[in-house]
Amino acid sequence: MIKSRLSAVTWGLSAVAAGALLVGCAGSVSVGSSDPKVSKGKLADTVAQQLAASTGQAKPDITCPEDLVGKKGKTTRCKLTASDGSTLGVTVTVTSVDGDDVKFGIKADETPTPAAS
């Protein structure tokens, strides 16, 4: 039987995933426009802050490919990248919109993707 060894980074990603799943992270951003959207930069920063707060770890490197439209049920996929290049997907889903205030839930994937060789 082969035993796999997880690096400290992979453990960190696992902790982020577990923390996000157990805590059920949520975020809220006030955007100040008639068509509410959360910019991809602001979204990435807010997701990183929420994951750090829920896991007690340093703020992770998060990137989001697009702005999040402030409409209940809309989703986007962001990516957490560890220092070794491994990644973890993070789904962000709008849970409610109240004027310019966009609230969303965050759910990290259970399994990280190893870094490309």
PDB file of N, CA and C in Angstrom:
ATOM      1  N   MET A   1       0.834  -1.170   0.000  1.00  0.00           N
ATOM      2  CA  MET A   1       0.000   0.000   0.000  1.00  0.00           C
ATOM      3  C   MET A   1       0.889   1.246   0.000  1.00  0.00           C
ATOM      4  N   ILE A   2       0.579   2.209  -0.845  1.00  0.00           N
ATOM      5  CA  ILE A   2       1.347   3.447  -0.953  1.00  0.00           C
ATOM      6  C   ILE A   2       0.699   4.503  -0.080  1.00  0.00           C
ATOM      7  N   LYS A   3       1.508   5.136   0.740  1.00  0.00           N
ATOM      8  CA  LYS A   3       1.012   6.210   1.586  1.00  0.00           C
ATOM      9  C   LYS A   3       1.413   7.536   0.956  1.00  0.00           C
ATOM     10  N   SER A   4       0.439   8.390   0.754  1.00  0.00           N
ATOM     11  CA  SER A   4       0.778   9.699   0.197  1.00  0.00           C
ATOM     12  C   SER A   4       1.095  10.654   1.330  1.00  0.00           C
ATOM     13  N   ARG A   5       2.037  11.548   1.083  1.00  0.00           N
ATOM     14  CA  ARG A   5       2.431  12.538   2.076  1.00  0.00           C
ATOM     15  C   ARG A   5       1.992  13.903   1.575  1.00  0.00           C
ATOM     16  N   LEU A   6       1.316  14.618   2.420  1.00  0.00           N
ATOM     17  CA  LEU A   6       0.854  15.946   2.049  1.00  0.00           C
ATOM     18  C   LEU A   6       1.860  16.980   2.519  1.00  0.00           C
ATOM     19  N   SER A   7       2.177  17.905   1.646  1.00  0.00           N
ATOM     20  CA  SER A   7       3.073  18.999   2.040  1.00  0.00           C
ATOM     21  C   SER A   7       2.330  19.959   2.954  1.00  0.00           C
ATOM     22  N   ALA A   8       3.061  20.832   3.585  1.00  0.00           N
ATOM     23  CA  ALA A   8       2.449  21.833   4.459  1.00  0.00           C
ATOM     24  C   ALA A   8       1.459  22.687   3.672  1.00  0.00           C
ATOM     25  N   VAL A   9       1.774  22.971   2.425  1.00  0.00           N
ATOM     26  CA  VAL A   9       0.880  23.777   1.599  1.00  0.00           C
ATOM     27  C   VAL A   9      -0.421  23.034   1.344  1.00  0.00           C
ATOM     28  N   THR A  10      -0.312  21.747   1.026  1.00  0.00           N
ATOM     29  CA  THR A  10      -1.518  20.968   0.780  1.00  0.00           C
ATOM     30  C   THR A  10      -2.355  20.893   2.049  1.00  0.00           C
ATOM     31  N   TRP A  11      -1.694  20.731   3.198  1.00  0.00           N
ATOM     32  CA  TRP A  11      -2.431  20.756   4.463  1.00  0.00           C
ATOM     33  C   TRP A  11      -3.143  22.092   4.617  1.00  0.00           C
ATOM     34  N   GLY A  12      -2.450  23.161   4.241  1.00  0.00           N
ATOM     35  CA  GLY A  12      -3.058  24.483   4.330  1.00  0.00           C
ATOM     36  C   GLY A  12      -4.277  24.599   3.439  1.00  0.00           C
ATOM     37  N   LEU A  13      -4.157  24.091   2.220  1.00  0.00           N
ATOM     38  CA  LEU A  13      -5.301  24.114   1.312  1.00  0.00           C
ATOM     39  C   LEU A  13      -6.439  23.278   1.872  1.00  0.00           C
ATOM     40  N   SER A  14      -6.104  22.140   2.443  1.00  0.00           N
ATOM     41  CA  SER A  14      -7.134  21.284   3.038  1.00  0.00           C
ATOM     42  C   SER A  14      -7.815  22.003   4.189  1.00  0.00           C
ATOM     43  N   ALA A  15      -7.046  22.717   4.987  1.00  0.00           N
ATOM     44  CA  ALA A  15      -7.617  23.471   6.105  1.00  0.00           C
ATOM     45  C   ALA A  15      -8.543  24.567   5.597  1.00  0.00           C
ATOM     46  N   VAL A  16      -8.130  25.229   4.511  1.00  0.00           N
ATOM     47  CA  VAL A  16      -8.975  26.268   3.926  1.00  0.00           C
ATOM     48  C   VAL A  16     -10.272  25.649   3.438  1.00  0.00           C
ATOM     49  N   ALA A  17     -10.172  24.520   2.735  1.00  0.00           N
ATOM     50  CA  ALA A  17     -11.374  23.865   2.225  1.00  0.00           C
ATOM     51  C   ALA A  17     -12.269  23.432   3.367  1.00  0.00           C
ATOM     52  N   ALA A  18     -11.698  22.793   4.365  1.00  0.00           N
ATOM     53  CA  ALA A  18     -12.482  22.330   5.506  1.00  0.00           C
ATOM     54  C   ALA A  18     -13.113  23.504   6.237  1.00  0.00           C
ATOM     55  N   GLY A  19     -12.334  24.556   6.446  1.00  0.00           N
ATOM     56  CA  GLY A  19     -12.865  25.726   7.137  1.00  0.00           C
ATOM     57  C   GLY A  19     -13.996  26.371   6.369  1.00  0.00           C
ATOM     58  N   ALA A  20     -13.838  26.490   5.063  1.00  0.00           N
ATOM     59  CA  ALA A  20     -14.874  27.110   4.253  1.00  0.00           C
ATOM     60  C   ALA A  20     -16.130  26.251   4.230  1.00  0.00           C
ATOM     61  N   LEU A  21     -15.954  24.936   4.194  1.00  0.00           N
ATOM     62  CA  LEU A  21     -17.108  24.054   4.169  1.00  0.00           C
ATOM     63  C   LEU A  21     -17.797  24.014   5.528  1.00  0.00           C
ATOM     64  N   LEU A  22     -17.030  23.973   6.595  1.00  0.00           N
ATOM     65  CA  LEU A  22     -17.606  23.875   7.927  1.00  0.00           C
ATOM     66  C   LEU A  22     -18.235  25.178   8.390  1.00  0.00           C
ATOM     67  N   VAL A  23     -17.576  26.287   8.100  1.00  0.00           N
ATOM     68  CA  VAL A  23     -18.052  27.561   8.579  1.00  0.00           C
ATOM     69  C   VAL A  23     -19.140  28.125   7.676  1.00  0.00           C
ATOM     70  N   GLY A  24     -19.128  27.769   6.398  1.00  0.00           N
ATOM     71  CA  GLY A  24     -20.096  28.311   5.464  1.00  0.00           C
ATOM     72  C   GLY A  24     -19.882  29.793   5.282  1.00  0.00           C
ATOM     73  N   CYS A  25     -18.718  30.149   4.802  1.00  0.00           N
ATOM     74  CA  CYS A  25     -18.325  31.548   4.646  1.00  0.00           C
ATOM     75  C   CYS A  25     -19.366  32.329   3.866  1.00  0.00           C
ATOM     76  N   ALA A  26     -19.438  33.585   4.192  1.00  0.00           N
ATOM     77  CA  ALA A  26     -20.313  34.487   3.461  1.00  0.00           C
ATOM     78  C   ALA A  26     -19.638  35.841   3.417  1.00  0.00           C
ATOM     79  N   GLY A  27     -19.917  36.581   2.383  1.00  0.00           N
ATOM     80  CA  GLY A  27     -19.362  37.910   2.246  1.00  0.00           C
ATOM     81  C   GLY A  27     -20.436  38.879   1.823  1.00  0.00           C
ATOM     82  N   SER A  28     -20.128  40.131   1.925  1.00  0.00           N
ATOM     83  CA  SER A  28     -21.051  41.173   1.523  1.00  0.00           C
ATOM     84  C   SER A  28     -20.234  42.348   1.028  1.00  0.00           C
ATOM     85  N   VAL A  29     -20.642  42.910  -0.098  1.00  0.00           N
ATOM     86  CA  VAL A  29     -19.937  44.046  -0.669  1.00  0.00           C
ATOM     87  C   VAL A  29     -20.959  45.065  -1.134  1.00  0.00           C
ATOM     88  N   SER A  30     -20.764  46.314  -0.789  1.00  0.00           N
ATOM     89  CA  SER A  30     -21.609  47.390  -1.263  1.00  0.00           C
ATOM     90  C   SER A  30     -20.929  47.990  -2.485  1.00  0.00           C
ATOM     91  N   VAL A  31     -21.655  48.040  -3.614  1.00  0.00           N
ATOM     92  CA  VAL A  31     -21.012  48.398  -4.872  1.00  0.00           C
ATOM     93  C   VAL A  31     -21.397  49.764  -5.432  1.00  0.00           C
ATOM     94  N   GLY A  32     -22.473  50.351  -5.016  1.00  0.00           N
ATOM     95  CA  GLY A  32     -22.813  51.716  -5.403  1.00  0.00           C
ATOM     96  C   GLY A  32     -23.093  51.956  -6.865  1.00  0.00           C
ATOM     97  N   SER A  33     -23.876  51.110  -7.520  1.00  0.00           N
ATOM     98  CA  SER A  33     -24.260  51.369  -8.907  1.00  0.00           C
ATOM     99  C   SER A  33     -25.688  50.895  -9.120  1.00  0.00           C
ATOM    100  N   SER A  34     -26.301  51.316 -10.252  1.00  0.00           N
ATOM    101  CA  SER A  34     -27.680  50.914 -10.519  1.00  0.00           C
ATOM    102  C   SER A  34     -27.766  49.453 -10.935  1.00  0.00           C
ATOM    103  N   ASP A  35     -26.711  48.912 -11.501  1.00  0.00           N
ATOM    104  CA  ASP A  35     -26.645  47.501 -11.872  1.00  0.00           C
ATOM    105  C   ASP A  35     -25.563  46.862 -11.000  1.00  0.00           C
ATOM    106  N   PRO A  36     -25.940  46.356  -9.812  1.00  0.00           N
ATOM    107  CA  PRO A  36     -24.899  45.914  -8.877  1.00  0.00           C
ATOM    108  C   PRO A  36     -24.023  44.790  -9.419  1.00  0.00           C
ATOM    109  N   LYS A  37     -22.728  44.992  -9.278  1.00  0.00           N
ATOM    110  CA  LYS A  37     -21.724  43.987  -9.621  1.00  0.00           C
ATOM    111  C   LYS A  37     -20.606  44.143  -8.611  1.00  0.00           C
ATOM    112  N   VAL A  38     -19.946  43.051  -8.323  1.00  0.00           N
ATOM    113  CA  VAL A  38     -18.752  43.095  -7.494  1.00  0.00           C
ATOM    114  C   VAL A  38     -17.581  42.872  -8.442  1.00  0.00           C
ATOM    115  N   SER A  39     -16.649  43.819  -8.482  1.00  0.00           N
ATOM    116  CA  SER A  39     -15.516  43.672  -9.398  1.00  0.00           C
ATOM    117  C   SER A  39     -14.710  42.434  -9.027  1.00  0.00           C
ATOM    118  N   LYS A  40     -14.059  41.841 -10.014  1.00  0.00           N
ATOM    119  CA  LYS A  40     -13.298  40.618  -9.764  1.00  0.00           C
ATOM    120  C   LYS A  40     -12.182  40.840  -8.746  1.00  0.00           C
ATOM    121  N   GLY A  41     -11.588  42.018  -8.731  1.00  0.00           N
ATOM    122  CA  GLY A  41     -10.544  42.322  -7.753  1.00  0.00           C
ATOM    123  C   GLY A  41     -11.094  42.416  -6.337  1.00  0.00           C
ATOM    124  N   LYS A  42     -12.200  43.126  -6.175  1.00  0.00           N
ATOM    125  CA  LYS A  42     -12.841  43.269  -4.861  1.00  0.00           C
ATOM    126  C   LYS A  42     -13.358  41.909  -4.390  1.00  0.00           C
ATOM    127  N   LEU A  43     -13.902  41.130  -5.302  1.00  0.00           N
ATOM    128  CA  LEU A  43     -14.408  39.800  -4.970  1.00  0.00           C
ATOM    129  C   LEU A  43     -13.274  38.908  -4.477  1.00  0.00           C
ATOM    130  N   ALA A  44     -12.154  38.893  -5.194  1.00  0.00           N
ATOM    131  CA  ALA A  44     -11.000  38.073  -4.798  1.00  0.00           C
ATOM    132  C   ALA A  44     -10.511  38.475  -3.415  1.00  0.00           C
ATOM    133  N   ASP A  45     -10.430  39.779  -3.159  1.00  0.00           N
ATOM    134  CA  ASP A  45      -9.955  40.265  -1.866  1.00  0.00           C
ATOM    135  C   ASP A  45     -10.916  39.867  -0.739  1.00  0.00           C
ATOM    136  N   THR A  46     -12.214  40.011  -0.975  1.00  0.00           N
ATOM    137  CA  THR A  46     -13.210  39.669   0.040  1.00  0.00           C
ATOM    138  C   THR A  46     -13.220  38.171   0.314  1.00  0.00           C
ATOM    139  N   VAL A  47     -13.130  37.354  -0.733  1.00  0.00           N
ATOM    140  CA  VAL A  47     -13.086  35.894  -0.565  1.00  0.00           C
ATOM    141  C   VAL A  47     -11.842  35.511   0.243  1.00  0.00           C
ATOM    142  N   ALA A  48     -10.689  36.101  -0.083  1.00  0.00           N
ATOM    143  CA  ALA A  48      -9.450  35.803   0.636  1.00  0.00           C
ATOM    144  C   ALA A  48      -9.586  36.173   2.116  1.00  0.00           C
ATOM    145  N   GLN A  49     -10.169  37.341   2.397  1.00  0.00           N
ATOM    146  CA  GLN A  49     -10.367  37.766   3.782  1.00  0.00           C
ATOM    147  C   GLN A  49     -11.282  36.801   4.534  1.00  0.00           C
ATOM    148  N   GLN A  50     -12.356  36.385   3.897  1.00  0.00           N
ATOM    149  CA  GLN A  50     -13.308  35.476   4.543  1.00  0.00           C
ATOM    150  C   GLN A  50     -12.676  34.112   4.814  1.00  0.00           C
ATOM    151  N   LEU A  51     -11.915  33.598   3.846  1.00  0.00           N
ATOM    152  CA  LEU A  51     -11.257  32.301   4.049  1.00  0.00           C
ATOM    153  C   LEU A  51     -10.213  32.386   5.152  1.00  0.00           C
ATOM    154  N   ALA A  52      -9.461  33.475   5.188  1.00  0.00           N
ATOM    155  CA  ALA A  52      -8.457  33.645   6.240  1.00  0.00           C
ATOM    156  C   ALA A  52      -9.128  33.714   7.608  1.00  0.00           C
ATOM    157  N   ALA A  53     -10.212  34.451   7.699  1.00  0.00           N
ATOM    158  CA  ALA A  53     -10.925  34.586   8.972  1.00  0.00           C
ATOM    159  C   ALA A  53     -11.516  33.257   9.436  1.00  0.00           C
ATOM    160  N   SER A  54     -12.022  32.458   8.495  1.00  0.00           N
ATOM    161  CA  SER A  54     -12.673  31.204   8.879  1.00  0.00           C
ATOM    162  C   SER A  54     -11.679  30.098   9.227  1.00  0.00           C
ATOM    163  N   THR A  55     -10.439  30.205   8.736  1.00  0.00           N
ATOM    164  CA  THR A  55      -9.454  29.152   8.988  1.00  0.00           C
ATOM    165  C   THR A  55      -8.380  29.561   9.979  1.00  0.00           C
ATOM    166  N   GLY A  56      -8.266  30.855  10.254  1.00  0.00           N
ATOM    167  CA  GLY A  56      -7.218  31.326  11.151  1.00  0.00           C
ATOM    168  C   GLY A  56      -5.840  31.301  10.512  1.00  0.00           C
ATOM    169  N   GLN A  57      -5.788  31.202   9.185  1.00  0.00           N
ATOM    170  CA  GLN A  57      -4.520  31.191   8.461  1.00  0.00           C
ATOM    171  C   GLN A  57      -4.312  32.528   7.756  1.00  0.00           C
ATOM    172  N   ALA A  58      -3.126  32.685   7.186  1.00  0.00           N
ATOM    173  CA  ALA A  58      -2.821  33.900   6.430  1.00  0.00           C
ATOM    174  C   ALA A  58      -3.774  34.017   5.232  1.00  0.00           C
ATOM    175  N   LYS A  59      -3.972  35.241   4.793  1.00  0.00           N
ATOM    176  CA  LYS A  59      -4.837  35.513   3.643  1.00  0.00           C
ATOM    177  C   LYS A  59      -4.276  34.808   2.404  1.00  0.00           C
ATOM    178  N   PRO A  60      -5.067  33.920   1.771  1.00  0.00           N
ATOM    179  CA  PRO A  60      -4.569  33.179   0.610  1.00  0.00           C
ATOM    180  C   PRO A  60      -4.584  34.024  -0.667  1.00  0.00           C
ATOM    181  N   ASP A  61      -3.857  33.536  -1.684  1.00  0.00           N
ATOM    182  CA  ASP A  61      -3.822  34.169  -3.005  1.00  0.00           C
ATOM    183  C   ASP A  61      -5.038  33.693  -3.787  1.00  0.00           C
ATOM    184  N   ILE A  62      -5.995  34.578  -3.994  1.00  0.00           N
ATOM    185  CA  ILE A  62      -7.234  34.259  -4.698  1.00  0.00           C
ATOM    186  C   ILE A  62      -7.316  35.093  -5.965  1.00  0.00           C
ATOM    187  N   THR A  63      -7.734  34.467  -7.063  1.00  0.00           N
ATOM    188  CA  THR A  63      -8.026  35.202  -8.293  1.00  0.00           C
ATOM    189  C   THR A  63      -9.429  34.809  -8.755  1.00  0.00           C
ATOM    190  N   CYS A  64     -10.143  35.784  -9.279  1.00  0.00           N
ATOM    191  CA  CYS A  64     -11.486  35.547  -9.815  1.00  0.00           C
ATOM    192  C   CYS A  64     -11.475  36.020 -11.269  1.00  0.00           C
ATOM    193  N   PRO A  65     -12.038  35.218 -12.184  1.00  0.00           N
ATOM    194  CA  PRO A  65     -11.932  35.530 -13.604  1.00  0.00           C
ATOM    195  C   PRO A  65     -12.868  36.617 -14.116  1.00  0.00           C
ATOM    196  N   GLU A  66     -13.894  36.960 -13.317  1.00  0.00           N
ATOM    197  CA  GLU A  66     -14.897  37.898 -13.819  1.00  0.00           C
ATOM    198  C   GLU A  66     -15.576  38.607 -12.653  1.00  0.00           C
ATOM    199  N   ASP A  67     -16.252  39.695 -12.969  1.00  0.00           N
ATOM    200  CA  ASP A  67     -17.071  40.377 -11.975  1.00  0.00           C
ATOM    201  C   ASP A  67     -18.236  39.473 -11.603  1.00  0.00           C
ATOM    202  N   LEU A  68     -18.746  39.627 -10.390  1.00  0.00           N
ATOM    203  CA  LEU A  68     -19.899  38.860  -9.943  1.00  0.00           C
ATOM    204  C   LEU A  68     -21.133  39.738 -10.065  1.00  0.00           C
ATOM    205  N   VAL A  69     -22.084  39.321 -10.901  1.00  0.00           N
ATOM    206  CA  VAL A  69     -23.324  40.061 -11.094  1.00  0.00           C
ATOM    207  C   VAL A  69     -24.196  39.893  -9.854  1.00  0.00           C
ATOM    208  N   GLY A  70     -24.696  41.004  -9.343  1.00  0.00           N
ATOM    209  CA  GLY A  70     -25.506  40.985  -8.134  1.00  0.00           C
ATOM    210  C   GLY A  70     -26.928  40.564  -8.392  1.00  0.00           C
ATOM    211  N   LYS A  71     -27.101  39.282  -8.678  1.00  0.00           N
ATOM    212  CA  LYS A  71     -28.430  38.711  -8.885  1.00  0.00           C
ATOM    213  C   LYS A  71     -28.459  37.376  -8.160  1.00  0.00           C
ATOM    214  N   LYS A  72     -29.439  37.187  -7.288  1.00  0.00           N
ATOM    215  CA  LYS A  72     -29.513  35.985  -6.472  1.00  0.00           C
ATOM    216  C   LYS A  72     -29.354  34.731  -7.331  1.00  0.00           C
ATOM    217  N   GLY A  73     -28.471  33.840  -6.899  1.00  0.00           N
ATOM    218  CA  GLY A  73     -28.224  32.582  -7.606  1.00  0.00           C
ATOM    219  C   GLY A  73     -27.064  32.628  -8.596  1.00  0.00           C
ATOM    220  N   LYS A  74     -26.600  33.830  -8.966  1.00  0.00           N
ATOM    221  CA  LYS A  74     -25.457  33.936  -9.889  1.00  0.00           C
ATOM    222  C   LYS A  74     -24.205  33.393  -9.202  1.00  0.00           C
ATOM    223  N   THR A  75     -23.370  32.720  -9.978  1.00  0.00           N
ATOM    224  CA  THR A  75     -22.140  32.157  -9.424  1.00  0.00           C
ATOM    225  C   THR A  75     -20.935  32.506 -10.282  1.00  0.00           C
ATOM    226  N   THR A  76     -19.779  32.375  -9.672  1.00  0.00           N
ATOM    227  CA  THR A  76     -18.512  32.438 -10.385  1.00  0.00           C
ATOM    228  C   THR A  76     -17.547  31.513  -9.663  1.00  0.00           C
ATOM    229  N   ARG A  77     -16.501  31.117 -10.350  1.00  0.00           N
ATOM    230  CA  ARG A  77     -15.481  30.245  -9.768  1.00  0.00           C
ATOM    231  C   ARG A  77     -14.191  31.021  -9.633  1.00  0.00           C
ATOM    232  N   CYS A  78     -13.702  31.097  -8.423  1.00  0.00           N
ATOM    233  CA  CYS A  78     -12.417  31.727  -8.152  1.00  0.00           C
ATOM    234  C   CYS A  78     -11.401  30.619  -7.898  1.00  0.00           C
ATOM    235  N   LYS A  79     -10.138  31.005  -7.832  1.00  0.00           N
ATOM    236  CA  LYS A  79      -9.074  30.017  -7.648  1.00  0.00           C
ATOM    237  C   LYS A  79      -8.118  30.466  -6.567  1.00  0.00           C
ATOM    238  N   LEU A  80      -7.852  29.561  -5.624  1.00  0.00           N
ATOM    239  CA  LEU A  80      -6.846  29.773  -4.590  1.00  0.00           C
ATOM    240  C   LEU A  80      -5.580  29.098  -5.085  1.00  0.00           C
ATOM    241  N   THR A  81      -4.473  29.832  -5.126  1.00  0.00           N
ATOM    242  CA  THR A  81      -3.198  29.263  -5.561  1.00  0.00           C
ATOM    243  C   THR A  81      -2.220  29.288  -4.394  1.00  0.00           C
ATOM    244  N   ALA A  82      -1.675  28.106  -4.081  1.00  0.00           N
ATOM    245  CA  ALA A  82      -0.705  27.964  -2.993  1.00  0.00           C
ATOM    246  C   ALA A  82       0.696  28.279  -3.509  1.00  0.00           C
ATOM    247  N   SER A  83       1.625  28.448  -2.591  1.00  0.00           N
ATOM    248  CA  SER A  83       2.999  28.805  -2.961  1.00  0.00           C
ATOM    249  C   SER A  83       3.685  27.714  -3.778  1.00  0.00           C
ATOM    250  N   ASP A  84       3.231  26.454  -3.665  1.00  0.00           N
ATOM    251  CA  ASP A  84       3.836  25.382  -4.465  1.00  0.00           C
ATOM    252  C   ASP A  84       3.175  25.230  -5.836  1.00  0.00           C
ATOM    253  N   GLY A  85       2.196  26.091  -6.142  1.00  0.00           N
ATOM    254  CA  GLY A  85       1.526  26.054  -7.437  1.00  0.00           C
ATOM    255  C   GLY A  85       0.256  25.222  -7.454  1.00  0.00           C
ATOM    256  N   SER A  86      -0.024  24.492  -6.388  1.00  0.00           N
ATOM    257  CA  SER A  86      -1.275  23.732  -6.344  1.00  0.00           C
ATOM    258  C   SER A  86      -2.434  24.713  -6.197  1.00  0.00           C
ATOM    259  N   THR A  87      -3.614  24.300  -6.628  1.00  0.00           N
ATOM    260  CA  THR A  87      -4.766  25.187  -6.628  1.00  0.00           C
ATOM    261  C   THR A  87      -5.979  24.522  -5.992  1.00  0.00           C
ATOM    262  N   LEU A  88      -6.915  25.367  -5.594  1.00  0.00           N
ATOM    263  CA  LEU A  88      -8.166  24.906  -5.024  1.00  0.00           C
ATOM    264  C   LEU A  88      -9.258  25.802  -5.578  1.00  0.00           C
ATOM    265  N   GLY A  89     -10.284  25.201  -6.147  1.00  0.00           N
ATOM    266  CA  GLY A  89     -11.397  25.977  -6.677  1.00  0.00           C
ATOM    267  C   GLY A  89     -12.299  26.470  -5.554  1.00  0.00           C
ATOM    268  N   VAL A  90     -12.863  27.656  -5.750  1.00  0.00           N
ATOM    269  CA  VAL A  90     -13.777  28.250  -4.782  1.00  0.00           C
ATOM    270  C   VAL A  90     -14.996  28.770  -5.543  1.00  0.00           C
ATOM    271  N   THR A  91     -16.170  28.260  -5.187  1.00  0.00           N
ATOM    272  CA  THR A  91     -17.406  28.707  -5.821  1.00  0.00           C
ATOM    273  C   THR A  91     -18.017  29.821  -4.987  1.00  0.00           C
ATOM    274  N   VAL A  92     -18.371  30.917  -5.657  1.00  0.00           N
ATOM    275  CA  VAL A  92     -18.985  32.064  -4.990  1.00  0.00           C
ATOM    276  C   VAL A  92     -20.391  32.209  -5.573  1.00  0.00           C
ATOM    277  N   THR A  93     -21.388  32.216  -4.690  1.00  0.00           N
ATOM    278  CA  THR A  93     -22.786  32.276  -5.121  1.00  0.00           C
ATOM    279  C   THR A  93     -23.501  33.436  -4.429  1.00  0.00           C
ATOM    280  N   VAL A  94     -24.162  34.274  -5.227  1.00  0.00           N
ATOM    281  CA  VAL A  94     -24.927  35.387  -4.666  1.00  0.00           C
ATOM    282  C   VAL A  94     -26.128  34.818  -3.914  1.00  0.00           C
ATOM    283  N   THR A  95     -26.243  35.211  -2.638  1.00  0.00           N
ATOM    284  CA  THR A  95     -27.351  34.737  -1.813  1.00  0.00           C
ATOM    285  C   THR A  95     -28.476  35.768  -1.709  1.00  0.00           C
ATOM    286  N   SER A  96     -28.122  37.055  -1.798  1.00  0.00           N
ATOM    287  CA  SER A  96     -29.151  38.096  -1.781  1.00  0.00           C
ATOM    288  C   SER A  96     -28.557  39.419  -2.250  1.00  0.00           C
ATOM    289  N   VAL A  97     -29.439  40.292  -2.684  1.00  0.00           N
ATOM    290  CA  VAL A  97     -29.038  41.638  -3.093  1.00  0.00           C
ATOM    291  C   VAL A  97     -30.046  42.601  -2.486  1.00  0.00           C
ATOM    292  N   ASP A  98     -29.534  43.601  -1.778  1.00  0.00           N
ATOM    293  CA  ASP A  98     -30.383  44.618  -1.176  1.00  0.00           C
ATOM    294  C   ASP A  98     -29.843  45.964  -1.621  1.00  0.00           C
ATOM    295  N   GLY A  99     -30.421  46.527  -2.662  1.00  0.00           N
ATOM    296  CA  GLY A  99     -29.905  47.767  -3.233  1.00  0.00           C
ATOM    297  C   GLY A  99     -28.527  47.522  -3.816  1.00  0.00           C
ATOM    298  N   ASP A 100     -27.505  48.178  -3.237  1.00  0.00           N
ATOM    299  CA  ASP A 100     -26.130  48.018  -3.702  1.00  0.00           C
ATOM    300  C   ASP A 100     -25.365  46.964  -2.910  1.00  0.00           C
ATOM    301  N   ASP A 101     -25.989  46.380  -1.900  1.00  0.00           N
ATOM    302  CA  ASP A 101     -25.326  45.411  -1.029  1.00  0.00           C
ATOM    303  C   ASP A 101     -25.513  43.997  -1.588  1.00  0.00           C
ATOM    304  N   VAL A 102     -24.410  43.410  -2.083  1.00  0.00           N
ATOM    305  CA  VAL A 102     -24.440  42.063  -2.657  1.00  0.00           C
ATOM    306  C   VAL A 102     -23.877  41.099  -1.621  1.00  0.00           C
ATOM    307  N   LYS A 103     -24.696  40.146  -1.199  1.00  0.00           N
ATOM    308  CA  LYS A 103     -24.245  39.137  -0.239  1.00  0.00           C
ATOM    309  C   LYS A 103     -24.023  37.834  -0.993  1.00  0.00           C
ATOM    310  N   PHE A 104     -22.959  37.108  -0.579  1.00  0.00           N
ATOM    311  CA  PHE A 104     -22.642  35.869  -1.279  1.00  0.00           C
ATOM    312  C   PHE A 104     -22.076  34.832  -0.331  1.00  0.00           C
ATOM    313  N   GLY A 105     -22.238  33.576  -0.726  1.00  0.00           N
ATOM    314  CA  GLY A 105     -21.669  32.458   0.008  1.00  0.00           C
ATOM    315  C   GLY A 105     -20.429  31.959  -0.702  1.00  0.00           C
ATOM    316  N   ILE A 106     -19.545  31.327   0.059  1.00  0.00           N
ATOM    317  CA  ILE A 106     -18.270  30.841  -0.466  1.00  0.00           C
ATOM    318  C   ILE A 106     -18.138  29.367  -0.114  1.00  0.00           C
ATOM    319  N   LYS A 107     -17.828  28.549  -1.112  1.00  0.00           N
ATOM    320  CA  LYS A 107     -17.610  27.126  -0.852  1.00  0.00           C
ATOM    321  C   LYS A 107     -16.361  26.667  -1.611  1.00  0.00           C
ATOM    322  N   ALA A 108     -15.375  26.201  -0.852  1.00  0.00           N
ATOM    323  CA  ALA A 108     -14.132  25.705  -1.447  1.00  0.00           C
ATOM    324  C   ALA A 108     -14.298  24.240  -1.840  1.00  0.00           C
ATOM    325  N   ASP A 109     -13.624  23.837  -2.913  1.00  0.00           N
ATOM    326  CA  ASP A 109     -13.613  22.438  -3.314  1.00  0.00           C
ATOM    327  C   ASP A 109     -12.982  21.594  -2.197  1.00  0.00           C
ATOM    328  N   GLU A 110     -13.300  20.338  -2.185  1.00  0.00           N
ATOM    329  CA  GLU A 110     -12.737  19.449  -1.167  1.00  0.00           C
ATOM    330  C   GLU A 110     -11.315  19.019  -1.469  1.00  0.00           C
ATOM    331  N   THR A 111     -10.962  18.929  -2.748  1.00  0.00           N
ATOM    332  CA  THR A 111      -9.660  18.385  -3.133  1.00  0.00           C
ATOM    333  C   THR A 111      -8.873  19.396  -3.965  1.00  0.00           C
ATOM    334  N   PRO A 112      -7.619  19.692  -3.570  1.00  0.00           N
ATOM    335  CA  PRO A 112      -6.778  20.593  -4.359  1.00  0.00           C
ATOM    336  C   PRO A 112      -6.267  19.913  -5.622  1.00  0.00           C
ATOM    337  N   THR A 113      -5.913  20.718  -6.613  1.00  0.00           N
ATOM    338  CA  THR A 113      -5.290  20.233  -7.839  1.00  0.00           C
ATOM    339  C   THR A 113      -3.791  20.423  -7.681  1.00  0.00           C
ATOM    340  N   PRO A 114      -2.999  19.364  -7.851  1.00  0.00           N
ATOM    341  CA  PRO A 114      -1.534  19.501  -7.692  1.00  0.00           C
ATOM    342  C   PRO A 114      -0.955  20.462  -8.720  1.00  0.00           C
ATOM    343  N   ALA A 115       0.188  21.017  -8.396  1.00  0.00           N
ATOM    344  CA  ALA A 115       0.893  21.913  -9.319  1.00  0.00           C
ATOM    345  C   ALA A 115       1.327  21.139 -10.557  1.00  0.00           C
ATOM    346  N   ALA A 116       1.345  21.821 -11.689  1.00  0.00           N
ATOM    347  CA  ALA A 116       1.813  21.208 -12.932  1.00  0.00           C
ATOM    348  C   ALA A 116       3.315  20.923 -12.813  1.00  0.00           C
ATOM    349  N   SER A 117       3.715  19.786 -13.313  1.00  0.00           N
ATOM    350  CA  SER A 117       5.133  19.405 -13.234  1.00  0.00           C
ATOM    351  C   SER A 117       5.981  20.107 -14.232  1.00  0.00           C
TER     352      SER A 117
END
